Amino acid sequence: MSAHDHDFPKTTVSQVILALLGGLLMPVLVIILLVKLVLGIQATHIEDRDPAVANAREVERIKPVGEVSMAGSGGPHVDKAGDKVVQESCAACHATGALGAPKIGDKSAWGPRIAQGYDTLVKHALAGIRQMPARGGNAELTDTEVAAAVAHMANQAGAGFKAPEPAPVAETPAAAAEAAAPAKK
């Protein structure tokens, strides 16, 4: 048998053309898709030419995530009486004697302190002394409220201190205008 006697299928011209196109079509398709991908990525990174649009985008990017709003009382501050301040702020330590605080009504613990005088006790209460924080740990208390609380606690142990008068309530501009307006009949 000779080499030419093998039965190889005969290839036609149309088969060669289809094979050639099939072999070239896939790489061309991959190249086209890669070009589209690169152009799509570049299109998202093009800077805006309009400064207003660029500024708006920058403001949107750097705006805060949230806001903190401090709620006020809504009106003028009214000083609390000494007994009320003691209940709200001082009793936590002075009712129990925690951290060496003199207990309310304990004459032996308060005696040496009362002997120092009212002004010294108020100064210590405002600034803090030993383990007691300034203003008893309540920074919102006014000087008058602290002084009234000191007088109240010391008087429970036998002192004769006179509590300061509460500061007058400051009128709001709206209240002053209403008071000044003539009454309607």
Foldseek 3Di string as FASTA:
>chain_A
DDPVPDDDDDDDPVNVVVVVCVVPVVVVVVVVVVVVVVVVVVVVVDDDPDVVVVVVVVCVVPPDPDDDDDDDPPFWDWADAQVVCCVPFVCVCQCPCPPNHPHQLALVSCVVVVVVDLVVQLVCQQCPDDPQHHVSPDPPHDSLNSSRNSCNRSVSNPDDDDRDDIDDTDDDPVRVVVVPDDDDD
